[in-house]
Amino acid sequence: MAAKKSSSRDQAAMQKLFEQRSYVGGRLPEILDPAPPPEIQKAAQLVPAWEQASTNFEDKKSEDFEVIRPKRKARSEKATGLHIILNAIQRDGFPHPMAQGSFLMLPKVFKALLSLEPVSVIQVVYEVFDQTIGWTDNRGEHGRREWARLPLRHFEMACGMNPAQVKRGLKRALQNGYILRRNKLDSFEYGIRWAEKPIDPAL
């Protein structure tokens, strides 16, 4: 009987010593190390691929990275006379300005706006060109009209834009110094801001 008690004490002491040594070693043996809960295992499998990928970009070239450009906002779907004109151009081609008897001269530097500015700005500035120097006026410089009274509704109909697009285009065109505006009765008059010195189109 005493031998059985001694054997039980020895086994308990060995088990305690085993657990203490395993704790000092930093972890329990694999047979006693509890597996992580299923939720943790599942979360580890859901780590995005871009986090698992290497973040060492030193050996990457600039052309290896895809450039994501912001999308331009869609034009207004409002049907205007511009749709009729566009259909006629697509069907018959552009009418020659000399044969038609009327045309608008634009500075060659206008191409910079076409390439770099939003559509709303381009449309607003072009409309101011069209309604000013696009008309003859003996009182104006070079025999062309300098100012035109243009309410917001005019830009909406002429450019096929909604009120928000017109306001956004006018605001940026004024801030960037493309056009000028002055009060006229209950509306505004718009004009082109002309350079005092010529700009080299080759720049």
N, C-alpha and C. Protein backbone atom coordinates (compact mmCIF):
# COMPACT_ATOMS: atom_id res chain seq x y z
N MET A 1 0.83 -1.20 0.00
CA MET A 1 0.00 0.00 0.00
C MET A 1 0.87 1.25 0.00
N ALA A 2 1.90 1.23 0.86
CA ALA A 2 2.83 2.36 0.93
C ALA A 2 3.56 2.54 -0.38
N ALA A 3 3.84 1.41 -1.06
CA ALA A 3 4.54 1.49 -2.34
C ALA A 3 3.69 2.18 -3.39
N LYS A 4 2.37 1.89 -3.36
CA LYS A 4 1.47 2.53 -4.33
C LYS A 4 1.40 4.03 -4.10
N LYS A 5 1.32 4.47 -2.80
CA LYS A 5 1.28 5.90 -2.50
C LYS A 5 2.56 6.59 -2.94
N SER A 6 3.70 5.92 -2.71
CA SER A 6 4.99 6.48 -3.10
C SER A 6 5.07 6.64 -4.62
N SER A 7 4.55 5.62 -5.33
CA SER A 7 4.56 5.68 -6.80
C SER A 7 3.69 6.82 -7.30
N SER A 8 2.53 7.05 -6.66
CA SER A 8 1.63 8.13 -7.07
C SER A 8 2.29 9.48 -6.83
N ARG A 9 2.99 9.61 -5.67
CA ARG A 9 3.67 10.87 -5.38
C ARG A 9 4.78 11.14 -6.39
N ASP A 10 5.50 10.08 -6.74
CA ASP A 10 6.58 10.25 -7.70
C ASP A 10 6.04 10.69 -9.06
N GLN A 11 4.95 10.10 -9.48
CA GLN A 11 4.37 10.48 -10.77
C GLN A 11 3.88 11.92 -10.76
N ALA A 12 3.26 12.33 -9.64
CA ALA A 12 2.77 13.71 -9.53
C ALA A 12 3.93 14.70 -9.55
N ALA A 13 5.03 14.33 -8.86
CA ALA A 13 6.20 15.20 -8.82
C ALA A 13 6.84 15.32 -10.21
N MET A 14 6.90 14.19 -10.92
CA MET A 14 7.47 14.21 -12.27
C MET A 14 6.62 15.07 -13.22
N GLN A 15 5.29 14.93 -13.07
CA GLN A 15 4.39 15.73 -13.93
C GLN A 15 4.56 17.22 -13.65
N LYS A 16 4.66 17.59 -12.35
CA LYS A 16 4.83 18.99 -11.98
C LYS A 16 6.16 19.54 -12.50
N LEU A 17 7.23 18.72 -12.34
CA LEU A 17 8.54 19.13 -12.84
C LEU A 17 8.52 19.30 -14.36
N PHE A 18 7.83 18.40 -15.02
CA PHE A 18 7.71 18.46 -16.49
C PHE A 18 7.03 19.76 -16.93
N GLU A 19 5.94 20.12 -16.25
CA GLU A 19 5.20 21.33 -16.61
C GLU A 19 6.03 22.57 -16.32
N GLN A 20 6.77 22.57 -15.19
CA GLN A 20 7.60 23.72 -14.86
C GLN A 20 8.71 23.92 -15.89
N ARG A 21 9.36 22.86 -16.32
CA ARG A 21 10.44 22.96 -17.30
C ARG A 21 9.89 23.41 -18.66
N SER A 22 8.70 22.95 -19.00
CA SER A 22 8.10 23.37 -20.26
C SER A 22 7.76 24.84 -20.22
N TYR A 23 7.30 25.33 -19.05
CA TYR A 23 6.94 26.74 -18.92
C TYR A 23 8.18 27.62 -19.06
N VAL A 24 9.29 27.18 -18.43
CA VAL A 24 10.53 27.93 -18.52
C VAL A 24 11.02 27.97 -19.97
N GLY A 25 10.80 26.91 -20.69
CA GLY A 25 11.24 26.86 -22.09
C GLY A 25 10.44 27.77 -22.99
N GLY A 26 9.36 28.34 -22.52
CA GLY A 26 8.63 29.30 -23.33
C GLY A 26 7.30 28.80 -23.82
N ARG A 27 7.04 27.53 -23.78
CA ARG A 27 5.75 27.02 -24.24
C ARG A 27 5.57 25.60 -23.77
N LEU A 28 4.36 25.14 -23.80
CA LEU A 28 4.08 23.76 -23.46
C LEU A 28 4.44 22.85 -24.62
N PRO A 29 4.66 21.60 -24.37
CA PRO A 29 4.91 20.68 -25.48
C PRO A 29 3.73 20.69 -26.45
N GLU A 30 3.99 20.29 -27.67
CA GLU A 30 2.95 20.32 -28.68
C GLU A 30 1.74 19.50 -28.28
N ILE A 31 1.95 18.44 -27.53
CA ILE A 31 0.82 17.59 -27.16
C ILE A 31 -0.07 18.30 -26.15
N LEU A 32 0.50 19.31 -25.42
CA LEU A 32 -0.28 20.05 -24.44
C LEU A 32 -0.61 21.47 -24.93
N ASP A 33 -0.03 21.91 -26.06
CA ASP A 33 -0.24 23.27 -26.57
C ASP A 33 -1.60 23.33 -27.26
N PRO A 34 -2.55 24.08 -26.71
CA PRO A 34 -3.88 24.11 -27.30
C PRO A 34 -3.86 24.78 -28.68
N ALA A 35 -4.63 24.22 -29.61
CA ALA A 35 -4.72 24.79 -30.96
C ALA A 35 -5.48 26.11 -30.91
N PRO A 36 -5.15 27.09 -31.79
CA PRO A 36 -5.88 28.37 -31.80
C PRO A 36 -7.34 28.15 -32.16
N PRO A 37 -8.21 29.00 -31.64
CA PRO A 37 -9.62 28.86 -31.95
C PRO A 37 -9.87 28.93 -33.45
N PRO A 38 -10.95 28.30 -33.91
CA PRO A 38 -11.25 28.32 -35.36
C PRO A 38 -11.39 29.73 -35.91
N GLU A 39 -11.88 30.70 -35.09
CA GLU A 39 -12.06 32.06 -35.59
C GLU A 39 -10.72 32.70 -35.98
N ILE A 40 -9.68 32.43 -35.17
CA ILE A 40 -8.37 32.98 -35.44
C ILE A 40 -7.78 32.36 -36.71
N GLN A 41 -7.95 31.04 -36.85
CA GLN A 41 -7.45 30.38 -38.05
C GLN A 41 -8.13 30.94 -39.29
N LYS A 42 -9.44 31.16 -39.19
CA LYS A 42 -10.18 31.68 -40.34
C LYS A 42 -9.75 33.09 -40.68
N ALA A 43 -9.51 33.93 -39.66
CA ALA A 43 -9.09 35.31 -39.90
C ALA A 43 -7.73 35.36 -40.57
N ALA A 44 -6.84 34.44 -40.19
CA ALA A 44 -5.51 34.42 -40.79
C ALA A 44 -5.57 34.09 -42.28
N GLN A 45 -6.59 33.27 -42.65
CA GLN A 45 -6.72 32.91 -44.05
C GLN A 45 -7.28 34.05 -44.88
N LEU A 46 -7.89 35.06 -44.21
CA LEU A 46 -8.51 36.17 -44.93
C LEU A 46 -7.62 37.37 -45.08
N VAL A 47 -6.33 37.25 -44.77
CA VAL A 47 -5.41 38.38 -44.93
C VAL A 47 -5.29 38.71 -46.41
N PRO A 48 -5.50 39.98 -46.82
CA PRO A 48 -5.44 40.33 -48.24
C PRO A 48 -4.11 39.97 -48.87
N ALA A 49 -4.15 39.67 -50.16
CA ALA A 49 -2.94 39.25 -50.87
C ALA A 49 -1.89 40.34 -50.87
N TRP A 50 -2.34 41.63 -50.93
CA TRP A 50 -1.35 42.71 -51.00
C TRP A 50 -0.59 42.86 -49.69
N GLU A 51 -1.19 42.39 -48.55
CA GLU A 51 -0.46 42.44 -47.28
C GLU A 51 0.53 41.31 -47.18
N GLN A 52 0.22 40.18 -47.86
CA GLN A 52 1.12 39.04 -47.82
C GLN A 52 2.30 39.23 -48.77
N ALA A 53 2.11 40.08 -49.78
CA ALA A 53 3.16 40.28 -50.78
C ALA A 53 4.31 41.07 -50.19
N SER A 54 5.46 40.98 -50.85
CA SER A 54 6.64 41.72 -50.40
C SER A 54 6.43 43.21 -50.59
N THR A 55 6.92 44.00 -49.64
CA THR A 55 6.80 45.46 -49.73
C THR A 55 8.13 46.10 -50.09
N ASN A 56 9.05 45.34 -50.61
CA ASN A 56 10.34 45.87 -51.03
C ASN A 56 10.23 46.36 -52.47
N PHE A 57 10.12 47.69 -52.65
CA PHE A 57 9.91 48.25 -53.98
C PHE A 57 11.20 48.80 -54.58
N GLU A 58 12.34 48.55 -53.93
CA GLU A 58 13.58 49.15 -54.41
C GLU A 58 13.97 48.63 -55.79
N ASP A 59 13.58 47.37 -56.08
CA ASP A 59 13.96 46.80 -57.36
C ASP A 59 12.88 46.96 -58.41
N LYS A 60 11.85 47.76 -58.09
CA LYS A 60 10.76 47.99 -59.03
C LYS A 60 11.03 49.26 -59.85
N LYS A 61 10.61 49.27 -61.10
CA LYS A 61 10.70 50.45 -61.94
C LYS A 61 9.37 51.18 -61.94
N SER A 62 9.40 52.47 -62.25
CA SER A 62 8.17 53.26 -62.21
C SER A 62 7.13 52.72 -63.16
N GLU A 63 7.57 52.17 -64.33
CA GLU A 63 6.60 51.68 -65.29
C GLU A 63 5.94 50.38 -64.86
N ASP A 64 6.48 49.74 -63.76
CA ASP A 64 5.88 48.51 -63.27
C ASP A 64 4.60 48.78 -62.49
N PHE A 65 4.38 50.02 -62.08
CA PHE A 65 3.22 50.36 -61.29
C PHE A 65 2.13 50.93 -62.18
N GLU A 66 0.91 50.45 -61.98
CA GLU A 66 -0.22 50.94 -62.77
C GLU A 66 -0.66 52.30 -62.24
N VAL A 67 -0.80 53.27 -63.13
CA VAL A 67 -1.23 54.62 -62.77
C VAL A 67 -2.74 54.67 -62.84
N ILE A 68 -3.37 54.98 -61.71
CA ILE A 68 -4.83 55.06 -61.65
C ILE A 68 -5.22 56.52 -61.69
N ARG A 69 -5.88 56.94 -62.77
CA ARG A 69 -6.30 58.33 -62.93
C ARG A 69 -7.76 58.47 -62.54
N PRO A 70 -8.10 59.61 -61.94
CA PRO A 70 -9.51 59.81 -61.59
C PRO A 70 -10.37 59.90 -62.84
N LYS A 71 -11.54 59.29 -62.75
CA LYS A 71 -12.44 59.31 -63.89
C LYS A 71 -13.10 60.68 -64.01
N ARG A 72 -13.26 61.12 -65.24
CA ARG A 72 -13.95 62.37 -65.47
C ARG A 72 -15.45 62.15 -65.29
N LYS A 73 -16.09 63.16 -64.78
CA LYS A 73 -17.53 63.07 -64.59
C LYS A 73 -18.22 63.08 -65.95
N ALA A 74 -19.30 62.30 -66.02
CA ALA A 74 -20.02 62.17 -67.27
C ALA A 74 -20.67 63.49 -67.67
N ARG A 75 -20.78 63.68 -68.98
CA ARG A 75 -21.46 64.86 -69.48
C ARG A 75 -22.95 64.75 -69.19
N SER A 76 -23.60 65.87 -69.25
CA SER A 76 -25.04 65.89 -69.05
C SER A 76 -25.73 65.15 -70.19
N GLU A 77 -26.74 64.37 -69.85
CA GLU A 77 -27.49 63.63 -70.86
C GLU A 77 -28.65 64.45 -71.42
N LYS A 78 -28.75 65.71 -71.02
CA LYS A 78 -29.85 66.56 -71.48
C LYS A 78 -29.72 66.80 -72.98
N ALA A 79 -30.80 66.55 -73.72
CA ALA A 79 -30.80 66.74 -75.17
C ALA A 79 -30.87 68.23 -75.49
N THR A 80 -29.96 68.69 -76.33
CA THR A 80 -29.94 70.09 -76.74
C THR A 80 -29.71 70.16 -78.24
N GLY A 81 -29.64 71.40 -78.76
CA GLY A 81 -29.35 71.57 -80.17
C GLY A 81 -27.99 71.03 -80.55
N LEU A 82 -27.10 70.86 -79.56
CA LEU A 82 -25.78 70.32 -79.85
C LEU A 82 -25.86 68.90 -80.40
N HIS A 83 -26.86 68.14 -79.97
CA HIS A 83 -27.00 66.77 -80.47
C HIS A 83 -27.34 66.77 -81.95
N ILE A 84 -28.18 67.72 -82.38
CA ILE A 84 -28.53 67.82 -83.79
C ILE A 84 -27.30 68.19 -84.61
N ILE A 85 -26.52 69.16 -84.10
CA ILE A 85 -25.30 69.57 -84.80
C ILE A 85 -24.31 68.42 -84.89
N LEU A 86 -24.16 67.69 -83.79
CA LEU A 86 -23.22 66.57 -83.78
C LEU A 86 -23.63 65.50 -84.79
N ASN A 87 -24.91 65.21 -84.85
CA ASN A 87 -25.39 64.21 -85.82
C ASN A 87 -25.13 64.68 -87.24
N ALA A 88 -25.30 65.98 -87.49
CA ALA A 88 -25.05 66.51 -88.83
C ALA A 88 -23.57 66.41 -89.19
N ILE A 89 -22.69 66.69 -88.23
CA ILE A 89 -21.25 66.57 -88.48
C ILE A 89 -20.87 65.13 -88.76
N GLN A 90 -21.42 64.19 -87.98
CA GLN A 90 -21.12 62.78 -88.18
C GLN A 90 -21.62 62.29 -89.53
N ARG A 91 -22.71 62.88 -89.98
CA ARG A 91 -23.29 62.45 -91.27
C ARG A 91 -22.60 63.10 -92.46
N ASP A 92 -22.32 64.42 -92.36
CA ASP A 92 -21.86 65.17 -93.54
C ASP A 92 -20.44 65.69 -93.43
N GLY A 93 -19.86 65.72 -92.23
CA GLY A 93 -18.53 66.29 -92.04
C GLY A 93 -18.63 67.74 -91.56
N PHE A 94 -17.47 68.37 -91.33
CA PHE A 94 -17.44 69.74 -90.85
C PHE A 94 -17.68 70.72 -92.01
N PRO A 95 -18.53 71.71 -91.82
CA PRO A 95 -18.68 72.74 -92.86
C PRO A 95 -17.44 73.64 -92.87
N HIS A 96 -16.94 73.95 -94.06
CA HIS A 96 -15.75 74.79 -94.15
C HIS A 96 -16.12 76.22 -93.72
N PRO A 97 -15.33 76.83 -92.82
CA PRO A 97 -15.69 78.15 -92.30
C PRO A 97 -15.75 79.22 -93.38
N MET A 98 -14.90 79.15 -94.39
CA MET A 98 -14.91 80.16 -95.43
C MET A 98 -16.16 80.03 -96.31
N ALA A 99 -16.57 78.80 -96.55
CA ALA A 99 -17.76 78.59 -97.37
C ALA A 99 -19.02 78.99 -96.61
N GLN A 100 -18.99 78.80 -95.29
CA GLN A 100 -20.17 79.13 -94.49
C GLN A 100 -20.27 80.63 -94.23
N GLY A 101 -19.14 81.31 -94.27
CA GLY A 101 -19.15 82.75 -94.09
C GLY A 101 -19.00 83.21 -92.66
N SER A 102 -18.93 82.30 -91.70
CA SER A 102 -18.72 82.69 -90.30
C SER A 102 -17.84 81.65 -89.62
N PHE A 103 -16.92 82.13 -88.81
CA PHE A 103 -16.03 81.22 -88.10
C PHE A 103 -15.46 81.94 -86.88
N LEU A 104 -14.89 81.16 -85.99
CA LEU A 104 -14.33 81.69 -84.75
C LEU A 104 -12.84 81.39 -84.72
N MET A 105 -12.04 82.42 -84.50
CA MET A 105 -10.60 82.22 -84.37
C MET A 105 -10.25 82.00 -82.90
N LEU A 106 -9.52 80.95 -82.64
CA LEU A 106 -9.07 80.65 -81.28
C LEU A 106 -7.54 80.74 -81.24
N PRO A 107 -6.98 81.24 -80.14
CA PRO A 107 -5.52 81.21 -80.01
C PRO A 107 -5.03 79.76 -80.00
N LYS A 108 -3.86 79.54 -80.58
CA LYS A 108 -3.33 78.18 -80.61
C LYS A 108 -3.10 77.61 -79.22
N VAL A 109 -2.87 78.51 -78.24
CA VAL A 109 -2.61 78.03 -76.88
C VAL A 109 -3.86 77.45 -76.24
N PHE A 110 -5.01 77.60 -76.87
CA PHE A 110 -6.24 77.01 -76.33
C PHE A 110 -6.12 75.49 -76.22
N LYS A 111 -5.20 74.94 -77.00
CA LYS A 111 -4.97 73.48 -76.96
C LYS A 111 -4.57 73.02 -75.56
N ALA A 112 -3.92 73.89 -74.78
CA ALA A 112 -3.52 73.52 -73.42
C ALA A 112 -4.75 73.23 -72.56
N LEU A 113 -5.82 74.02 -72.74
CA LEU A 113 -7.05 73.76 -71.99
C LEU A 113 -7.68 72.46 -72.42
N LEU A 114 -7.67 72.20 -73.74
CA LEU A 114 -8.26 70.96 -74.25
C LEU A 114 -7.56 69.74 -73.68
N SER A 115 -6.28 69.85 -73.41
CA SER A 115 -5.50 68.71 -72.94
C SER A 115 -5.54 68.53 -71.43
N LEU A 116 -5.66 69.64 -70.69
CA LEU A 116 -5.42 69.57 -69.25
C LEU A 116 -6.59 69.95 -68.36
N GLU A 117 -7.56 70.67 -68.87
CA GLU A 117 -8.65 71.14 -68.03
C GLU A 117 -9.88 70.23 -68.13
N PRO A 118 -10.73 70.23 -67.09
CA PRO A 118 -11.98 69.45 -67.16
C PRO A 118 -12.89 69.97 -68.26
N VAL A 119 -13.79 69.12 -68.70
CA VAL A 119 -14.68 69.47 -69.81
C VAL A 119 -15.53 70.69 -69.48
N SER A 120 -16.01 70.80 -68.25
CA SER A 120 -16.86 71.94 -67.89
C SER A 120 -16.13 73.26 -68.07
N VAL A 121 -14.84 73.31 -67.74
CA VAL A 121 -14.05 74.53 -67.91
C VAL A 121 -13.87 74.85 -69.39
N ILE A 122 -13.55 73.83 -70.18
CA ILE A 122 -13.34 74.02 -71.61
C ILE A 122 -14.59 74.56 -72.27
N GLN A 123 -15.74 73.99 -71.92
CA GLN A 123 -16.99 74.42 -72.54
C GLN A 123 -17.34 75.86 -72.17
N VAL A 124 -17.13 76.21 -70.90
CA VAL A 124 -17.45 77.57 -70.45
C VAL A 124 -16.55 78.59 -71.16
N VAL A 125 -15.26 78.33 -71.19
CA VAL A 125 -14.33 79.28 -71.80
C VAL A 125 -14.60 79.39 -73.30
N TYR A 126 -14.85 78.27 -73.95
CA TYR A 126 -15.14 78.31 -75.39
C TYR A 126 -16.40 79.13 -75.66
N GLU A 127 -17.41 78.98 -74.81
CA GLU A 127 -18.65 79.72 -75.02
C GLU A 127 -18.44 81.23 -74.88
N VAL A 128 -17.57 81.62 -73.94
CA VAL A 128 -17.25 83.05 -73.80
C VAL A 128 -16.52 83.53 -75.05
N PHE A 129 -15.60 82.74 -75.58
CA PHE A 129 -14.95 83.08 -76.85
C PHE A 129 -16.01 83.28 -77.95
N ASP A 130 -16.90 82.32 -78.05
CA ASP A 130 -17.89 82.33 -79.12
C ASP A 130 -18.81 83.54 -79.04
N GLN A 131 -19.21 83.91 -77.82
CA GLN A 131 -20.17 85.00 -77.64
C GLN A 131 -19.50 86.38 -77.60
N THR A 132 -18.18 86.42 -77.56
CA THR A 132 -17.49 87.72 -77.58
C THR A 132 -16.83 87.93 -78.94
N ILE A 133 -15.62 87.47 -79.11
CA ILE A 133 -14.92 87.73 -80.38
C ILE A 133 -15.51 86.95 -81.55
N GLY A 134 -16.48 86.08 -81.26
CA GLY A 134 -17.18 85.39 -82.34
C GLY A 134 -18.18 86.30 -83.05
N TRP A 135 -18.34 87.54 -82.56
CA TRP A 135 -19.28 88.49 -83.17
C TRP A 135 -18.54 89.78 -83.54
N THR A 136 -18.96 90.35 -84.65
CA THR A 136 -18.37 91.64 -85.06
C THR A 136 -19.00 92.77 -84.25
N ASP A 137 -18.18 93.76 -83.91
CA ASP A 137 -18.64 94.93 -83.16
C ASP A 137 -17.65 96.06 -83.43
N ASN A 138 -18.07 97.06 -84.14
CA ASN A 138 -17.18 98.16 -84.50
C ASN A 138 -16.69 98.94 -83.29
N ARG A 139 -17.41 98.84 -82.17
CA ARG A 139 -17.00 99.57 -80.97
C ARG A 139 -15.92 98.82 -80.18
N GLY A 140 -15.77 97.55 -80.47
CA GLY A 140 -14.80 96.75 -79.73
C GLY A 140 -13.42 96.78 -80.34
N GLU A 141 -12.43 96.35 -79.56
CA GLU A 141 -11.06 96.31 -80.07
C GLU A 141 -10.96 95.28 -81.19
N HIS A 142 -10.25 95.64 -82.25
CA HIS A 142 -10.08 94.78 -83.42
C HIS A 142 -11.42 94.50 -84.12
N GLY A 143 -12.43 95.32 -83.83
CA GLY A 143 -13.72 95.15 -84.51
C GLY A 143 -14.51 93.95 -84.05
N ARG A 144 -14.20 93.42 -82.85
CA ARG A 144 -14.91 92.25 -82.33
C ARG A 144 -15.54 92.60 -80.98
N ARG A 145 -16.56 91.86 -80.60
CA ARG A 145 -17.23 92.09 -79.33
C ARG A 145 -16.31 91.72 -78.17
N GLU A 146 -16.31 92.54 -77.12
CA GLU A 146 -15.42 92.31 -75.98
C GLU A 146 -16.15 91.66 -74.79
N TRP A 147 -17.41 92.01 -74.58
CA TRP A 147 -18.18 91.49 -73.45
C TRP A 147 -19.51 90.94 -73.94
N ALA A 148 -20.01 89.93 -73.21
CA ALA A 148 -21.31 89.34 -73.55
C ALA A 148 -22.07 89.04 -72.27
N ARG A 149 -23.34 89.46 -72.24
CA ARG A 149 -24.20 89.19 -71.08
C ARG A 149 -24.72 87.76 -71.19
N LEU A 150 -24.29 86.90 -70.24
CA LEU A 150 -24.59 85.47 -70.33
C LEU A 150 -25.11 84.96 -68.99
N PRO A 151 -26.41 84.74 -68.85
CA PRO A 151 -26.93 84.13 -67.62
C PRO A 151 -26.56 82.65 -67.54
N LEU A 152 -26.72 82.07 -66.37
CA LEU A 152 -26.39 80.65 -66.19
C LEU A 152 -27.20 79.77 -67.14
N ARG A 153 -28.45 80.17 -67.35
CA ARG A 153 -29.31 79.37 -68.23
C ARG A 153 -28.72 79.28 -69.63
N HIS A 154 -28.08 80.34 -70.08
CA HIS A 154 -27.47 80.32 -71.42
C HIS A 154 -26.40 79.23 -71.51
N PHE A 155 -25.53 79.15 -70.47
CA PHE A 155 -24.47 78.13 -70.48
C PHE A 155 -25.07 76.73 -70.44
N GLU A 156 -26.16 76.56 -69.69
CA GLU A 156 -26.81 75.25 -69.62
C GLU A 156 -27.27 74.79 -70.99
N MET A 157 -27.95 75.69 -71.71
CA MET A 157 -28.50 75.32 -73.01
C MET A 157 -27.42 75.23 -74.09
N ALA A 158 -26.48 76.17 -74.08
CA ALA A 158 -25.47 76.21 -75.13
C ALA A 158 -24.43 75.10 -74.98
N CYS A 159 -24.14 74.72 -73.73
CA CYS A 159 -23.09 73.73 -73.48
C CYS A 159 -23.63 72.35 -73.14
N GLY A 160 -24.95 72.23 -72.94
CA GLY A 160 -25.52 70.93 -72.59
C GLY A 160 -25.10 70.45 -71.23
N MET A 161 -24.97 71.39 -70.26
CA MET A 161 -24.54 71.02 -68.91
C MET A 161 -25.66 71.32 -67.92
N ASN A 162 -25.60 70.67 -66.77
CA ASN A 162 -26.56 70.97 -65.70
C ASN A 162 -26.04 72.15 -64.88
N PRO A 163 -26.88 72.75 -64.01
CA PRO A 163 -26.45 73.94 -63.25
C PRO A 163 -25.18 73.73 -62.44
N ALA A 164 -25.03 72.56 -61.82
CA ALA A 164 -23.84 72.31 -61.00
C ALA A 164 -22.58 72.30 -61.86
N GLN A 165 -22.65 71.71 -63.05
CA GLN A 165 -21.49 71.68 -63.94
C GLN A 165 -21.13 73.08 -64.42
N VAL A 166 -22.15 73.89 -64.73
CA VAL A 166 -21.90 75.26 -65.19
C VAL A 166 -21.21 76.06 -64.09
N LYS A 167 -21.73 76.00 -62.87
CA LYS A 167 -21.14 76.75 -61.76
C LYS A 167 -19.72 76.30 -61.49
N ARG A 168 -19.48 74.97 -61.56
CA ARG A 168 -18.13 74.45 -61.33
C ARG A 168 -17.17 74.93 -62.42
N GLY A 169 -17.63 74.91 -63.68
CA GLY A 169 -16.79 75.36 -64.78
C GLY A 169 -16.49 76.85 -64.71
N LEU A 170 -17.50 77.67 -64.40
CA LEU A 170 -17.30 79.12 -64.27
C LEU A 170 -16.35 79.45 -63.12
N LYS A 171 -16.53 78.78 -62.00
CA LYS A 171 -15.69 79.05 -60.83
C LYS A 171 -14.22 78.79 -61.13
N ARG A 172 -13.94 77.65 -61.74
CA ARG A 172 -12.54 77.31 -62.03
C ARG A 172 -11.97 78.19 -63.14
N ALA A 173 -12.80 78.52 -64.14
CA ALA A 173 -12.32 79.38 -65.22
C ALA A 173 -11.98 80.77 -64.71
N LEU A 174 -12.75 81.28 -63.76
CA LEU A 174 -12.47 82.59 -63.17
C LEU A 174 -11.25 82.53 -62.26
N GLN A 175 -11.16 81.47 -61.45
CA GLN A 175 -10.02 81.33 -60.53
C GLN A 175 -8.71 81.19 -61.29
N ASN A 176 -8.73 80.48 -62.40
CA ASN A 176 -7.50 80.26 -63.18
C ASN A 176 -7.17 81.41 -64.12
N GLY A 177 -8.05 82.42 -64.16
CA GLY A 177 -7.75 83.61 -64.95
C GLY A 177 -7.98 83.48 -66.44
N TYR A 178 -8.85 82.55 -66.86
CA TYR A 178 -9.14 82.41 -68.28
C TYR A 178 -10.14 83.46 -68.76
N ILE A 179 -11.10 83.78 -67.91
CA ILE A 179 -12.16 84.71 -68.28
C ILE A 179 -12.32 85.77 -67.19
N LEU A 180 -13.05 86.84 -67.54
CA LEU A 180 -13.36 87.92 -66.60
C LEU A 180 -14.88 88.04 -66.47
N ARG A 181 -15.33 88.60 -65.35
CA ARG A 181 -16.77 88.76 -65.13
C ARG A 181 -17.02 90.11 -64.46
N ARG A 182 -18.13 90.76 -64.88
CA ARG A 182 -18.52 92.01 -64.25
C ARG A 182 -20.05 92.05 -64.16
N ASN A 183 -20.54 92.79 -63.18
CA ASN A 183 -21.98 92.90 -62.97
C ASN A 183 -22.63 93.66 -64.11
N LYS A 184 -23.82 93.19 -64.50
CA LYS A 184 -24.61 93.86 -65.54
C LYS A 184 -26.08 93.67 -65.20
N LEU A 185 -26.70 94.74 -64.62
CA LEU A 185 -28.10 94.68 -64.19
C LEU A 185 -28.29 93.50 -63.23
N ASP A 186 -29.17 92.57 -63.58
CA ASP A 186 -29.43 91.43 -62.69
C ASP A 186 -28.64 90.19 -63.11
N SER A 187 -27.64 90.37 -63.95
CA SER A 187 -26.87 89.23 -64.43
C SER A 187 -25.40 89.61 -64.47
N PHE A 188 -24.62 88.88 -65.27
CA PHE A 188 -23.20 89.13 -65.42
C PHE A 188 -22.83 89.21 -66.88
N GLU A 189 -21.79 89.97 -67.15
CA GLU A 189 -21.16 89.97 -68.46
C GLU A 189 -19.81 89.27 -68.34
N TYR A 190 -19.47 88.52 -69.38
CA TYR A 190 -18.22 87.75 -69.38
C TYR A 190 -17.35 88.19 -70.56
N GLY A 191 -16.06 88.15 -70.35
CA GLY A 191 -15.11 88.46 -71.40
C GLY A 191 -13.85 87.62 -71.24
N ILE A 192 -13.07 87.54 -72.28
CA ILE A 192 -11.81 86.80 -72.24
C ILE A 192 -10.74 87.68 -71.59
N ARG A 193 -9.91 87.08 -70.77
CA ARG A 193 -8.78 87.80 -70.17
C ARG A 193 -7.60 87.69 -71.14
N TRP A 194 -7.31 88.80 -71.81
CA TRP A 194 -6.26 88.81 -72.82
C TRP A 194 -4.89 89.10 -72.20
N ALA A 195 -3.88 88.45 -72.73
CA ALA A 195 -2.51 88.65 -72.26
C ALA A 195 -1.98 89.99 -72.78
N GLU A 196 -1.22 90.66 -71.95
CA GLU A 196 -0.61 91.92 -72.38
C GLU A 196 0.54 91.69 -73.34
N LYS A 197 1.20 90.53 -73.19
CA LYS A 197 2.29 90.16 -74.09
C LYS A 197 1.94 88.85 -74.77
N PRO A 198 2.36 88.66 -76.01
CA PRO A 198 2.06 87.40 -76.71
C PRO A 198 2.68 86.21 -76.00
N ILE A 199 1.98 85.08 -76.05
CA ILE A 199 2.48 83.82 -75.49
C ILE A 199 2.99 82.96 -76.64
N ASP A 200 4.19 82.44 -76.50
CA ASP A 200 4.79 81.61 -77.55
C ASP A 200 4.07 80.26 -77.57
N PRO A 201 3.34 79.93 -78.63
CA PRO A 201 2.64 78.64 -78.69
C PRO A 201 3.58 77.45 -78.64
N ALA A 202 4.85 77.65 -78.92
CA ALA A 202 5.81 76.54 -78.93
C ALA A 202 6.24 76.13 -77.54
N LEU A 203 5.89 76.92 -76.52
CA LEU A 203 6.32 76.59 -75.15
C LEU A 203 5.65 75.32 -74.68
